[in-house]
Amino acid sequence: MYIGEVAKKTGLSIKAIRLYEERGLITLPPRKGRYRYYNASHVEILNLIKEAKSLGSTLSQLEAVIVYDNGEVDWPKIESFLIKLKCQLTQQTEILKERIGKVDACLSAINSCPTMLDSAPKGRE
């Protein structure tokens, strides 16, 4: 398939796809005449890149992870990266839960203050 179809299938811009080619994140597709011709494996890796970026990964991180051996992606390396990413996201979730708990405690303290119960707080009139 040509780059326009790949862009539609992945939701990526043509410019982004070319950037990922330049940075070695996808293998250079063979040419059909003057045009590059992409296959399903290109689409698969492009979707992976898109998802990883949406989870906060940088292109530099992905360059270290998406490596090719004789034209084939090193899937175990990608799997290891995704496991580490999941761990990081889980830790961030726990930190956010703690922060939300602290905000709730502050709100509770404010709402139970006797002066708050007797009059409208300044700025909320």
PDB file of N, CA and C in Angstrom:
ATOM      1  N   MET A   1       0.847  -1.170   0.000  1.00  0.00           N
ATOM      2  CA  MET A   1       0.000   0.000   0.000  1.00  0.00           C
ATOM      3  C   MET A   1       0.893   1.234   0.000  1.00  0.00           C
ATOM      4  N   TYR A   2       0.360   2.298  -0.535  1.00  0.00           N
ATOM      5  CA  TYR A   2       1.124   3.534  -0.620  1.00  0.00           C
ATOM      6  C   TYR A   2       0.953   4.341   0.669  1.00  0.00           C
ATOM      7  N   ILE A   3       1.784   5.359   0.819  1.00  0.00           N
ATOM      8  CA  ILE A   3       1.864   6.103   2.072  1.00  0.00           C
ATOM      9  C   ILE A   3       0.527   6.747   2.460  1.00  0.00           C
ATOM     10  N   GLY A   4      -0.252   7.183   1.504  1.00  0.00           N
ATOM     11  CA  GLY A   4      -1.553   7.785   1.818  1.00  0.00           C
ATOM     12  C   GLY A   4      -2.477   6.795   2.498  1.00  0.00           C
ATOM     13  N   GLU A   5      -2.490   5.565   2.030  1.00  0.00           N
ATOM     14  CA  GLU A   5      -3.324   4.530   2.636  1.00  0.00           C
ATOM     15  C   GLU A   5      -2.819   4.171   4.030  1.00  0.00           C
ATOM     16  N   VAL A   6      -1.493   4.128   4.179  1.00  0.00           N
ATOM     17  CA  VAL A   6      -0.907   3.853   5.501  1.00  0.00           C
ATOM     18  C   VAL A   6      -1.295   4.955   6.471  1.00  0.00           C
ATOM     19  N   ALA A   7      -1.250   6.195   6.006  1.00  0.00           N
ATOM     20  CA  ALA A   7      -1.626   7.330   6.856  1.00  0.00           C
ATOM     21  C   ALA A   7      -3.076   7.194   7.317  1.00  0.00           C
ATOM     22  N   LYS A   8      -3.956   6.799   6.419  1.00  0.00           N
ATOM     23  CA  LYS A   8      -5.369   6.612   6.784  1.00  0.00           C
ATOM     24  C   LYS A   8      -5.539   5.467   7.776  1.00  0.00           C
ATOM     25  N   LYS A   9      -4.836   4.364   7.551  1.00  0.00           N
ATOM     26  CA  LYS A   9      -4.976   3.195   8.428  1.00  0.00           C
ATOM     27  C   LYS A   9      -4.440   3.453   9.833  1.00  0.00           C
ATOM     28  N   THR A  10      -3.394   4.250   9.934  1.00  0.00           N
ATOM     29  CA  THR A  10      -2.754   4.477  11.234  1.00  0.00           C
ATOM     30  C   THR A  10      -3.199   5.762  11.912  1.00  0.00           C
ATOM     31  N   GLY A  11      -3.747   6.690  11.140  1.00  0.00           N
ATOM     32  CA  GLY A  11      -4.097   7.986  11.711  1.00  0.00           C
ATOM     33  C   GLY A  11      -2.895   8.907  11.863  1.00  0.00           C
ATOM     34  N   LEU A  12      -1.776   8.515  11.282  1.00  0.00           N
ATOM     35  CA  LEU A  12      -0.568   9.336  11.317  1.00  0.00           C
ATOM     36  C   LEU A  12      -0.487  10.183  10.057  1.00  0.00           C
ATOM     37  N   SER A  13       0.213  11.286  10.149  1.00  0.00           N
ATOM     38  CA  SER A  13       0.408  12.115   8.967  1.00  0.00           C
ATOM     39  C   SER A  13       1.521  11.505   8.102  1.00  0.00           C
ATOM     40  N   ILE A  14       1.518  11.854   6.846  1.00  0.00           N
ATOM     41  CA  ILE A  14       2.571  11.404   5.943  1.00  0.00           C
ATOM     42  C   ILE A  14       3.923  11.911   6.434  1.00  0.00           C
ATOM     43  N   LYS A  15       3.932  13.137   6.932  1.00  0.00           N
ATOM     44  CA  LYS A  15       5.165  13.728   7.456  1.00  0.00           C
ATOM     45  C   LYS A  15       5.708  12.898   8.633  1.00  0.00           C
ATOM     46  N   ALA A  16       4.817  12.449   9.531  1.00  0.00           N
ATOM     47  CA  ALA A  16       5.245  11.638  10.682  1.00  0.00           C
ATOM     48  C   ALA A  16       5.803  10.294  10.213  1.00  0.00           C
ATOM     49  N   ILE A  17       5.144   9.680   9.253  1.00  0.00           N
ATOM     50  CA  ILE A  17       5.606   8.387   8.747  1.00  0.00           C
ATOM     51  C   ILE A  17       7.007   8.527   8.159  1.00  0.00           C
ATOM     52  N   ARG A  18       7.218   9.571   7.408  1.00  0.00           N
ATOM     53  CA  ARG A  18       8.553   9.799   6.817  1.00  0.00           C
ATOM     54  C   ARG A  18       9.598  10.076   7.898  1.00  0.00           C
ATOM     55  N   LEU A  19       9.198  10.802   8.943  1.00  0.00           N
ATOM     56  CA  LEU A  19      10.109  11.053  10.056  1.00  0.00           C
ATOM     57  C   LEU A  19      10.518   9.735  10.717  1.00  0.00           C
ATOM     58  N   TYR A  20       9.559   8.853  10.932  1.00  0.00           N
ATOM     59  CA  TYR A  20       9.860   7.563  11.558  1.00  0.00           C
ATOM     60  C   TYR A  20      10.765   6.724  10.677  1.00  0.00           C
ATOM     61  N   GLU A  21      10.625   6.846   9.376  1.00  0.00           N
ATOM     62  CA  GLU A  21      11.545   6.172   8.447  1.00  0.00           C
ATOM     63  C   GLU A  21      12.954   6.730   8.626  1.00  0.00           C
ATOM     64  N   GLU A  22      13.064   8.063   8.630  1.00  0.00           N
ATOM     65  CA  GLU A  22      14.367   8.722   8.758  1.00  0.00           C
ATOM     66  C   GLU A  22      15.065   8.337  10.050  1.00  0.00           C
ATOM     67  N   ARG A  23      14.295   8.179  11.108  1.00  0.00           N
ATOM     68  CA  ARG A  23      14.873   7.870  12.417  1.00  0.00           C
ATOM     69  C   ARG A  23      15.094   6.370  12.621  1.00  0.00           C
ATOM     70  N   GLY A  24      14.744   5.575  11.621  1.00  0.00           N
ATOM     71  CA  GLY A  24      15.000   4.143  11.685  1.00  0.00           C
ATOM     72  C   GLY A  24      13.984   3.355  12.491  1.00  0.00           C
ATOM     73  N   LEU A  25      12.841   3.976  12.801  1.00  0.00           N
ATOM     74  CA  LEU A  25      11.818   3.280  13.582  1.00  0.00           C
ATOM     75  C   LEU A  25      11.052   2.264  12.741  1.00  0.00           C
ATOM     76  N   ILE A  26      10.980   2.518  11.446  1.00  0.00           N
ATOM     77  CA  ILE A  26      10.430   1.510  10.532  1.00  0.00           C
ATOM     78  C   ILE A  26      11.456   1.298   9.429  1.00  0.00           C
ATOM     79  N   THR A  27      11.441   0.106   8.869  1.00  0.00           N
ATOM     80  CA  THR A  27      12.361  -0.176   7.771  1.00  0.00           C
ATOM     81  C   THR A  27      11.907   0.579   6.529  1.00  0.00           C
ATOM     82  N   LEU A  28      12.871   0.897   5.693  1.00  0.00           N
ATOM     83  CA  LEU A  28      12.520   1.573   4.445  1.00  0.00           C
ATOM     84  C   LEU A  28      11.737   0.604   3.579  1.00  0.00           C
ATOM     85  N   PRO A  29      10.571   1.025   3.151  1.00  0.00           N
ATOM     86  CA  PRO A  29       9.770   0.138   2.307  1.00  0.00           C
ATOM     87  C   PRO A  29      10.384   0.030   0.906  1.00  0.00           C
ATOM     88  N   PRO A  30      10.166  -1.098   0.266  1.00  0.00           N
ATOM     89  CA  PRO A  30      10.648  -1.214  -1.117  1.00  0.00           C
ATOM     90  C   PRO A  30       9.864  -0.261  -2.022  1.00  0.00           C
ATOM     91  N   ARG A  31      10.410  -0.014  -3.177  1.00  0.00           N
ATOM     92  CA  ARG A  31       9.750   0.899  -4.119  1.00  0.00           C
ATOM     93  C   ARG A  31       9.000   0.119  -5.187  1.00  0.00           C
ATOM     94  N   LYS A  32       7.878   0.691  -5.558  1.00  0.00           N
ATOM     95  CA  LYS A  32       7.110   0.224  -6.709  1.00  0.00           C
ATOM     96  C   LYS A  32       7.121   1.387  -7.682  1.00  0.00           C
ATOM     97  N   GLY A  33       8.029   1.338  -8.616  1.00  0.00           N
ATOM     98  CA  GLY A  33       8.210   2.491  -9.493  1.00  0.00           C
ATOM     99  C   GLY A  33       8.855   3.616  -8.704  1.00  0.00           C
ATOM    100  N   ARG A  34       8.208   4.756  -8.716  1.00  0.00           N
ATOM    101  CA  ARG A  34       8.736   5.925  -7.986  1.00  0.00           C
ATOM    102  C   ARG A  34       8.263   5.980  -6.548  1.00  0.00           C
ATOM    103  N   TYR A  35       7.326   5.119  -6.160  1.00  0.00           N
ATOM    104  CA  TYR A  35       6.677   5.241  -4.863  1.00  0.00           C
ATOM    105  C   TYR A  35       7.093   4.126  -3.902  1.00  0.00           C
ATOM    106  N   ARG A  36       7.149   4.479  -2.627  1.00  0.00           N
ATOM    107  CA  ARG A  36       7.404   3.473  -1.592  1.00  0.00           C
ATOM    108  C   ARG A  36       6.147   2.639  -1.419  1.00  0.00           C
ATOM    109  N   TYR A  37       6.363   1.353  -1.176  1.00  0.00           N
ATOM    110  CA  TYR A  37       5.231   0.453  -1.009  1.00  0.00           C
ATOM    111  C   TYR A  37       5.329  -0.232   0.357  1.00  0.00           C
ATOM    112  N   TYR A  38       4.366   0.075   1.229  1.00  0.00           N
ATOM    113  CA  TYR A  38       4.365  -0.391   2.611  1.00  0.00           C
ATOM    114  C   TYR A  38       3.582  -1.690   2.733  1.00  0.00           C
ATOM    115  N   ASN A  39       3.951  -2.491   3.735  1.00  0.00           N
ATOM    116  CA  ASN A  39       3.220  -3.738   3.982  1.00  0.00           C
ATOM    117  C   ASN A  39       2.597  -3.711   5.382  1.00  0.00           C
ATOM    118  N   ALA A  40       1.946  -4.805   5.741  1.00  0.00           N
ATOM    119  CA  ALA A  40       1.237  -4.885   7.026  1.00  0.00           C
ATOM    120  C   ALA A  40       2.175  -4.722   8.215  1.00  0.00           C
ATOM    121  N   SER A  41       3.417  -5.177   8.094  1.00  0.00           N
ATOM    122  CA  SER A  41       4.344  -5.041   9.227  1.00  0.00           C
ATOM    123  C   SER A  41       4.699  -3.572   9.477  1.00  0.00           C
ATOM    124  N   HIS A  42       4.753  -2.769   8.418  1.00  0.00           N
ATOM    125  CA  HIS A  42       4.984  -1.330   8.602  1.00  0.00           C
ATOM    126  C   HIS A  42       3.822  -0.711   9.385  1.00  0.00           C
ATOM    127  N   VAL A  43       2.617  -1.082   9.013  1.00  0.00           N
ATOM    128  CA  VAL A  43       1.424  -0.556   9.688  1.00  0.00           C
ATOM    129  C   VAL A  43       1.435  -0.976  11.154  1.00  0.00           C
ATOM    130  N   GLU A  44       1.805  -2.224  11.411  1.00  0.00           N
ATOM    131  CA  GLU A  44       1.853  -2.741  12.783  1.00  0.00           C
ATOM    132  C   GLU A  44       2.821  -1.931  13.649  1.00  0.00           C
ATOM    133  N   ILE A  45       4.011  -1.675  13.144  1.00  0.00           N
ATOM    134  CA  ILE A  45       5.010  -0.904  13.898  1.00  0.00           C
ATOM    135  C   ILE A  45       4.568   0.554  14.043  1.00  0.00           C
ATOM    136  N   LEU A  46       3.994   1.119  13.003  1.00  0.00           N
ATOM    137  CA  LEU A  46       3.511   2.502  13.096  1.00  0.00           C
ATOM    138  C   LEU A  46       2.415   2.632  14.145  1.00  0.00           C
ATOM    139  N   ASN A  47       1.522   1.664  14.226  1.00  0.00           N
ATOM    140  CA  ASN A  47       0.489   1.687  15.269  1.00  0.00           C
ATOM    141  C   ASN A  47       1.111   1.563  16.651  1.00  0.00           C
ATOM    142  N   LEU A  48       2.128   0.728  16.781  1.00  0.00           N
ATOM    143  CA  LEU A  48       2.843   0.595  18.057  1.00  0.00           C
ATOM    144  C   LEU A  48       3.466   1.928  18.459  1.00  0.00           C
ATOM    145  N   ILE A  49       4.108   2.589  17.514  1.00  0.00           N
ATOM    146  CA  ILE A  49       4.735   3.892  17.782  1.00  0.00           C
ATOM    147  C   ILE A  49       3.676   4.897  18.233  1.00  0.00           C
ATOM    148  N   LYS A  50       2.575   4.931  17.529  1.00  0.00           N
ATOM    149  CA  LYS A  50       1.491   5.861  17.862  1.00  0.00           C
ATOM    150  C   LYS A  50       0.975   5.612  19.280  1.00  0.00           C
ATOM    151  N   GLU A  51       0.737   4.358  19.618  1.00  0.00           N
ATOM    152  CA  GLU A  51       0.239   4.022  20.956  1.00  0.00           C
ATOM    153  C   GLU A  51       1.271   4.352  22.032  1.00  0.00           C
ATOM    154  N   ALA A  52       2.527   4.000  21.791  1.00  0.00           N
ATOM    155  CA  ALA A  52       3.578   4.276  22.776  1.00  0.00           C
ATOM    156  C   ALA A  52       3.720   5.775  23.015  1.00  0.00           C
ATOM    157  N   LYS A  53       3.634   6.562  21.948  1.00  0.00           N
ATOM    158  CA  LYS A  53       3.707   8.015  22.109  1.00  0.00           C
ATOM    159  C   LYS A  53       2.516   8.543  22.893  1.00  0.00           C
ATOM    160  N   SER A  54       1.336   7.965  22.677  1.00  0.00           N
ATOM    161  CA  SER A  54       0.158   8.422  23.412  1.00  0.00           C
ATOM    162  C   SER A  54       0.273   8.094  24.900  1.00  0.00           C
ATOM    163  N   LEU A  55       1.122   7.132  25.243  1.00  0.00           N
ATOM    164  CA  LEU A  55       1.347   6.766  26.646  1.00  0.00           C
ATOM    165  C   LEU A  55       2.510   7.531  27.262  1.00  0.00           C
ATOM    166  N   GLY A  56       3.101   8.443  26.504  1.00  0.00           N
ATOM    167  CA  GLY A  56       4.155   9.289  27.045  1.00  0.00           C
ATOM    168  C   GLY A  56       5.568   8.928  26.614  1.00  0.00           C
ATOM    169  N   SER A  57       5.728   7.935  25.777  1.00  0.00           N
ATOM    170  CA  SER A  57       7.068   7.572  25.306  1.00  0.00           C
ATOM    171  C   SER A  57       7.570   8.604  24.308  1.00  0.00           C
ATOM    172  N   THR A  58       8.869   8.795  24.299  1.00  0.00           N
ATOM    173  CA  THR A  58       9.479   9.719  23.348  1.00  0.00           C
ATOM    174  C   THR A  58      10.056   8.936  22.173  1.00  0.00           C
ATOM    175  N   LEU A  59      10.305   9.635  21.094  1.00  0.00           N
ATOM    176  CA  LEU A  59      10.919   8.981  19.942  1.00  0.00           C
ATOM    177  C   LEU A  59      12.310   8.460  20.285  1.00  0.00           C
ATOM    178  N   SER A  60      13.032   9.181  21.114  1.00  0.00           N
ATOM    179  CA  SER A  60      14.360   8.719  21.523  1.00  0.00           C
ATOM    180  C   SER A  60      14.269   7.391  22.261  1.00  0.00           C
ATOM    181  N   GLN A  61      13.292   7.266  23.162  1.00  0.00           N
ATOM    182  CA  GLN A  61      13.102   5.998  23.860  1.00  0.00           C
ATOM    183  C   GLN A  61      12.760   4.894  22.873  1.00  0.00           C
ATOM    184  N   LEU A  62      11.884   5.194  21.936  1.00  0.00           N
ATOM    185  CA  LEU A  62      11.452   4.186  20.971  1.00  0.00           C
ATOM    186  C   LEU A  62      12.592   3.776  20.039  1.00  0.00           C
ATOM    187  N   GLU A  63      13.485   4.705  19.726  1.00  0.00           N
ATOM    188  CA  GLU A  63      14.634   4.374  18.881  1.00  0.00           C
ATOM    189  C   GLU A  63      15.518   3.320  19.543  1.00  0.00           C
ATOM    190  N   ALA A  64      15.595   3.375  20.866  1.00  0.00           N
ATOM    191  CA  ALA A  64      16.403   2.390  21.590  1.00  0.00           C
ATOM    192  C   ALA A  64      15.700   1.043  21.698  1.00  0.00           C
ATOM    193  N   VAL A  65      14.396   1.028  21.523  1.00  0.00           N
ATOM    194  CA  VAL A  65      13.594  -0.179  21.722  1.00  0.00           C
ATOM    195  C   VAL A  65      13.259  -0.882  20.417  1.00  0.00           C
ATOM    196  N   ILE A  66      12.878  -0.113  19.417  1.00  0.00           N
ATOM    197  CA  ILE A  66      12.469  -0.711  18.145  1.00  0.00           C
ATOM    198  C   ILE A  66      13.724  -0.922  17.302  1.00  0.00           C
ATOM    199  N   VAL A  67      14.250  -2.127  17.404  1.00  0.00           N
ATOM    200  CA  VAL A  67      15.458  -2.477  16.662  1.00  0.00           C
ATOM    201  C   VAL A  67      15.143  -3.658  15.747  1.00  0.00           C
ATOM    202  N   TYR A  68      15.925  -3.735  14.694  1.00  0.00           N
ATOM    203  CA  TYR A  68      15.694  -4.760  13.685  1.00  0.00           C
ATOM    204  C   TYR A  68      16.906  -5.677  13.602  1.00  0.00           C
ATOM    205  N   ASP A  69      16.631  -6.954  13.418  1.00  0.00           N
ATOM    206  CA  ASP A  69      17.661  -7.948  13.212  1.00  0.00           C
ATOM    207  C   ASP A  69      17.330  -8.651  11.898  1.00  0.00           C
ATOM    208  N   ASN A  70      18.150  -8.416  10.881  1.00  0.00           N
ATOM    209  CA  ASN A  70      17.891  -8.956   9.535  1.00  0.00           C
ATOM    210  C   ASN A  70      16.504  -8.563   9.032  1.00  0.00           C
ATOM    211  N   GLY A  71      16.113  -7.318   9.277  1.00  0.00           N
ATOM    212  CA  GLY A  71      14.837  -6.818   8.791  1.00  0.00           C
ATOM    213  C   GLY A  71      13.638  -7.180   9.643  1.00  0.00           C
ATOM    214  N   GLU A  72      13.845  -7.943  10.711  1.00  0.00           N
ATOM    215  CA  GLU A  72      12.754  -8.361  11.589  1.00  0.00           C
ATOM    216  C   GLU A  72      12.821  -7.596  12.908  1.00  0.00           C
ATOM    217  N   VAL A  73      11.670  -7.219  13.417  1.00  0.00           N
ATOM    218  CA  VAL A  73      11.590  -6.481  14.678  1.00  0.00           C
ATOM    219  C   VAL A  73      11.941  -7.414  15.841  1.00  0.00           C
ATOM    220  N   ASP A  74      12.659  -6.875  16.806  1.00  0.00           N
ATOM    221  CA  ASP A  74      12.998  -7.622  18.023  1.00  0.00           C
ATOM    222  C   ASP A  74      11.834  -7.480  19.008  1.00  0.00           C
ATOM    223  N   TRP A  75      10.812  -8.324  18.856  1.00  0.00           N
ATOM    224  CA  TRP A  75       9.598  -8.236  19.668  1.00  0.00           C
ATOM    225  C   TRP A  75       9.850  -8.461  21.151  1.00  0.00           C
ATOM    226  N   PRO A  76      10.755  -9.373  21.562  1.00  0.00           N
ATOM    227  CA  PRO A  76      11.015  -9.513  23.000  1.00  0.00           C
ATOM    228  C   PRO A  76      11.513  -8.213  23.647  1.00  0.00           C
ATOM    229  N   LYS A  77      12.308  -7.444  22.903  1.00  0.00           N
ATOM    230  CA  LYS A  77      12.793  -6.159  23.430  1.00  0.00           C
ATOM    231  C   LYS A  77      11.632  -5.181  23.599  1.00  0.00           C
ATOM    232  N   ILE A  78      10.721  -5.178  22.637  1.00  0.00           N
ATOM    233  CA  ILE A  78       9.551  -4.304  22.725  1.00  0.00           C
ATOM    234  C   ILE A  78       8.667  -4.738  23.885  1.00  0.00           C
ATOM    235  N   GLU A  79       8.494  -6.037  24.055  1.00  0.00           N
ATOM    236  CA  GLU A  79       7.682  -6.544  25.168  1.00  0.00           C
ATOM    237  C   GLU A  79       8.267  -6.117  26.508  1.00  0.00           C
ATOM    238  N   SER A  80       9.577  -6.218  26.653  1.00  0.00           N
ATOM    239  CA  SER A  80      10.243  -5.793  27.887  1.00  0.00           C
ATOM    240  C   SER A  80      10.013  -4.303  28.143  1.00  0.00           C
ATOM    241  N   PHE A  81      10.117  -3.498  27.100  1.00  0.00           N
ATOM    242  CA  PHE A  81       9.871  -2.062  27.211  1.00  0.00           C
ATOM    243  C   PHE A  81       8.442  -1.788  27.674  1.00  0.00           C
ATOM    244  N   LEU A  82       7.481  -2.493  27.088  1.00  0.00           N
ATOM    245  CA  LEU A  82       6.076  -2.276  27.449  1.00  0.00           C
ATOM    246  C   LEU A  82       5.801  -2.692  28.889  1.00  0.00           C
ATOM    247  N   ILE A  83       6.446  -3.740  29.356  1.00  0.00           N
ATOM    248  CA  ILE A  83       6.287  -4.156  30.752  1.00  0.00           C
ATOM    249  C   ILE A  83       6.824  -3.069  31.685  1.00  0.00           C
ATOM    250  N   LYS A  84       7.978  -2.507  31.353  1.00  0.00           N
ATOM    251  CA  LYS A  84       8.543  -1.411  32.158  1.00  0.00           C
ATOM    252  C   LYS A  84       7.631  -0.186  32.119  1.00  0.00           C
ATOM    253  N   LEU A  85       7.087   0.113  30.951  1.00  0.00           N
ATOM    254  CA  LEU A  85       6.181   1.252  30.807  1.00  0.00           C
ATOM    255  C   LEU A  85       4.934   1.057  31.658  1.00  0.00           C
ATOM    256  N   LYS A  86       4.396  -0.142  31.661  1.00  0.00           N
ATOM    257  CA  LYS A  86       3.224  -0.442  32.486  1.00  0.00           C
ATOM    258  C   LYS A  86       3.545  -0.240  33.965  1.00  0.00           C
ATOM    259  N   CYS A  87       4.711  -0.658  34.381  1.00  0.00           N
ATOM    260  CA  CYS A  87       5.130  -0.473  35.778  1.00  0.00           C
ATOM    261  C   CYS A  87       5.216   1.016  36.120  1.00  0.00           C
ATOM    262  N   GLN A  88       5.798   1.802  35.228  1.00  0.00           N
ATOM    263  CA  GLN A  88       5.899   3.250  35.456  1.00  0.00           C
ATOM    264  C   GLN A  88       4.517   3.892  35.557  1.00  0.00           C
ATOM    265  N   LEU A  89       3.619   3.502  34.678  1.00  0.00           N
ATOM    266  CA  LEU A  89       2.270   4.063  34.699  1.00  0.00           C
ATOM    267  C   LEU A  89       1.526   3.661  35.970  1.00  0.00           C
ATOM    268  N   THR A  90       1.754   2.448  36.429  1.00  0.00           N
ATOM    269  CA  THR A  90       1.132   1.992  37.685  1.00  0.00           C
ATOM    270  C   THR A  90       1.645   2.830  38.855  1.00  0.00           C
ATOM    271  N   GLN A  91       2.951   3.089  38.884  1.00  0.00           N
ATOM    272  CA  GLN A  91       3.524   3.922  39.951  1.00  0.00           C
ATOM    273  C   GLN A  91       2.944   5.334  39.900  1.00  0.00           C
ATOM    274  N   GLN A  92       2.814   5.886  38.709  1.00  0.00           N
ATOM    275  CA  GLN A  92       2.242   7.230  38.559  1.00  0.00           C
ATOM    276  C   GLN A  92       0.798   7.252  39.035  1.00  0.00           C
ATOM    277  N   THR A  93       0.067   6.183  38.771  1.00  0.00           N
ATOM    278  CA  THR A  93      -1.325   6.088  39.223  1.00  0.00           C
ATOM    279  C   THR A  93      -1.391   6.110  40.738  1.00  0.00           C
ATOM    280  N   GLU A  94      -0.511   5.380  41.387  1.00  0.00           N
ATOM    281  CA  GLU A  94      -0.489   5.351  42.852  1.00  0.00           C
ATOM    282  C   GLU A  94      -0.155   6.727  43.421  1.00  0.00           C
ATOM    283  N   ILE A  95       0.785   7.411  42.815  1.00  0.00           N
ATOM    284  CA  ILE A  95       1.150   8.764  43.267  1.00  0.00           C
ATOM    285  C   ILE A  95      -0.045   9.704  43.121  1.00  0.00           C
ATOM    286  N   LEU A  96      -0.758   9.607  42.001  1.00  0.00           N
ATOM    287  CA  LEU A  96      -1.932  10.461  41.789  1.00  0.00           C
ATOM    288  C   LEU A  96      -3.037  10.147  42.793  1.00  0.00           C
ATOM    289  N   LYS A  97      -3.229   8.869  43.111  1.00  0.00           N
ATOM    290  CA  LYS A  97      -4.239   8.492  44.108  1.00  0.00           C
ATOM    291  C   LYS A  97      -3.898   9.112  45.472  1.00  0.00           C
ATOM    292  N   GLU A  98      -2.620   9.087  45.842  1.00  0.00           N
ATOM    293  CA  GLU A  98      -2.200   9.696  47.108  1.00  0.00           C
ATOM    294  C   GLU A  98      -2.470  11.196  47.099  1.00  0.00           C
ATOM    295  N   ARG A  99      -2.157  11.853  46.013  1.00  0.00           N
ATOM    296  CA  ARG A  99      -2.383  13.295  45.908  1.00  0.00           C
ATOM    297  C   ARG A  99      -3.869  13.634  45.984  1.00  0.00           C
ATOM    298  N   ILE A 100      -4.692  12.837  45.327  1.00  0.00           N
ATOM    299  CA  ILE A 100      -6.142  13.056  45.378  1.00  0.00           C
ATOM    300  C   ILE A 100      -6.641  12.876  46.802  1.00  0.00           C
ATOM    301  N   GLY A 101      -6.097  11.902  47.512  1.00  0.00           N
ATOM    302  CA  GLY A 101      -6.462  11.702  48.912  1.00  0.00           C
ATOM    303  C   GLY A 101      -6.116  12.915  49.759  1.00  0.00           C
ATOM    304  N   LYS A 102      -4.975  13.519  49.507  1.00  0.00           N
ATOM    305  CA  LYS A 102      -4.563  14.712  50.245  1.00  0.00           C
ATOM    306  C   LYS A 102      -5.486  15.894  49.943  1.00  0.00           C
ATOM    307  N   VAL A 103      -5.866  16.031  48.685  1.00  0.00           N
ATOM    308  CA  VAL A 103      -6.802  17.104  48.313  1.00  0.00           C
ATOM    309  C   VAL A 103      -8.142  16.871  49.004  1.00  0.00           C
ATOM    310  N   ASP A 104      -8.617  15.635  49.013  1.00  0.00           N
ATOM    311  CA  ASP A 104      -9.877  15.312  49.691  1.00  0.00           C
ATOM    312  C   ASP A 104      -9.800  15.640  51.180  1.00  0.00           C
ATOM    313  N   ALA A 105      -8.658  15.339  51.808  1.00  0.00           N
ATOM    314  CA  ALA A 105      -8.479  15.646  53.231  1.00  0.00           C
ATOM    315  C   ALA A 105      -8.527  17.151  53.465  1.00  0.00           C
ATOM    316  N   CYS A 106      -7.908  17.912  52.586  1.00  0.00           N
ATOM    317  CA  CYS A 106      -7.936  19.374  52.701  1.00  0.00           C
ATOM    318  C   CYS A 106      -9.361  19.898  52.537  1.00  0.00           C
ATOM    319  N   LEU A 107     -10.073  19.380  51.559  1.00  0.00           N
ATOM    320  CA  LEU A 107     -11.459  19.801  51.352  1.00  0.00           C
ATOM    321  C   LEU A 107     -12.323  19.458  52.553  1.00  0.00           C
ATOM    322  N   SER A 108     -12.104  18.293  53.104  1.00  0.00           N
ATOM    323  CA  SER A 108     -12.863  17.872  54.274  1.00  0.00           C
ATOM    324  C   SER A 108     -12.588  18.797  55.459  1.00  0.00           C
ATOM    325  N   ALA A 109     -11.312  19.147  55.639  1.00  0.00           N
ATOM    326  CA  ALA A 109     -10.941  20.040  56.738  1.00  0.00           C
ATOM    327  C   ALA A 109     -11.569  21.414  56.547  1.00  0.00           C
ATOM    328  N   ILE A 110     -11.576  21.894  55.338  1.00  0.00           N
ATOM    329  CA  ILE A 110     -12.160  23.201  55.051  1.00  0.00           C
ATOM    330  C   ILE A 110     -13.666  23.169  55.292  1.00  0.00           C
ATOM    331  N   ASN A 111     -14.318  22.137  54.812  1.00  0.00           N
ATOM    332  CA  ASN A 111     -15.768  22.046  54.935  1.00  0.00           C
ATOM    333  C   ASN A 111     -16.241  21.803  56.360  1.00  0.00           C
ATOM    334  N   SER A 112     -15.379  21.287  57.224  1.00  0.00           N
ATOM    335  CA  SER A 112     -15.790  21.038  58.608  1.00  0.00           C
ATOM    336  C   SER A 112     -15.393  22.169  59.558  1.00  0.00           C
ATOM    337  N   CYS A 113     -14.762  23.176  59.030  1.00  0.00           N
ATOM    338  CA  CYS A 113     -14.349  24.318  59.839  1.00  0.00           C
ATOM    339  C   CYS A 113     -15.601  25.077  60.297  1.00  0.00           C
ATOM    340  N   PRO A 114     -15.741  25.373  61.614  1.00  0.00           N
ATOM    341  CA  PRO A 114     -16.946  26.042  62.123  1.00  0.00           C
ATOM    342  C   PRO A 114     -17.233  27.374  61.433  1.00  0.00           C
ATOM    343  N   THR A 115     -16.227  28.152  61.115  1.00  0.00           N
ATOM    344  CA  THR A 115     -16.493  29.443  60.478  1.00  0.00           C
ATOM    345  C   THR A 115     -17.018  29.245  59.061  1.00  0.00           C
ATOM    346  N   MET A 116     -16.679  28.155  58.443  1.00  0.00           N
ATOM    347  CA  MET A 116     -17.165  27.864  57.094  1.00  0.00           C
ATOM    348  C   MET A 116     -18.648  27.501  57.131  1.00  0.00           C
ATOM    349  N   LEU A 117     -19.059  26.872  58.206  1.00  0.00           N
ATOM    350  CA  LEU A 117     -20.440  26.428  58.303  1.00  0.00           C
ATOM    351  C   LEU A 117     -21.386  27.603  58.546  1.00  0.00           C
ATOM    352  N   ASP A 118     -20.900  28.660  59.206  1.00  0.00           N
ATOM    353  CA  ASP A 118     -21.752  29.785  59.575  1.00  0.00           C
ATOM    354  C   ASP A 118     -21.883  30.844  58.483  1.00  0.00           C
ATOM    355  N   SER A 119     -20.901  30.936  57.585  1.00  0.00           N
ATOM    356  CA  SER A 119     -20.967  31.978  56.556  1.00  0.00           C
ATOM    357  C   SER A 119     -20.376  31.466  55.246  1.00  0.00           C
ATOM    358  N   ALA A 120     -20.773  32.154  54.201  1.00  0.00           N
ATOM    359  CA  ALA A 120     -20.240  31.788  52.877  1.00  0.00           C
ATOM    360  C   ALA A 120     -18.778  32.211  52.813  1.00  0.00           C
ATOM    361  N   PRO A 121     -17.915  31.362  52.312  1.00  0.00           N
ATOM    362  CA  PRO A 121     -16.501  31.728  52.230  1.00  0.00           C
ATOM    363  C   PRO A 121     -16.275  32.850  51.224  1.00  0.00           C
ATOM    364  N   LYS A 122     -15.256  33.633  51.473  1.00  0.00           N
ATOM    365  CA  LYS A 122     -14.933  34.732  50.575  1.00  0.00           C
ATOM    366  C   LYS A 122     -14.568  34.160  49.210  1.00  0.00           C
ATOM    367  N   GLY A 123     -15.074  34.793  48.207  1.00  0.00           N
ATOM    368  CA  GLY A 123     -14.788  34.351  46.846  1.00  0.00           C
ATOM    369  C   GLY A 123     -15.803  33.368  46.334  1.00  0.00           C
ATOM    370  N   ARG A 124     -16.718  32.862  47.209  1.00  0.00           N
ATOM    371  CA  ARG A 124     -17.730  31.918  46.765  1.00  0.00           C
ATOM    372  C   ARG A 124     -19.125  32.512  46.915  1.00  0.00           C
ATOM    373  N   GLU A 125     -19.218  33.812  47.055  1.00  0.00           N
ATOM    374  CA  GLU A 125     -20.514  34.463  47.270  1.00  0.00           C
ATOM    375  C   GLU A 125     -21.260  34.617  45.987  1.00  0.00           C
TER     376      GLU A 125
END
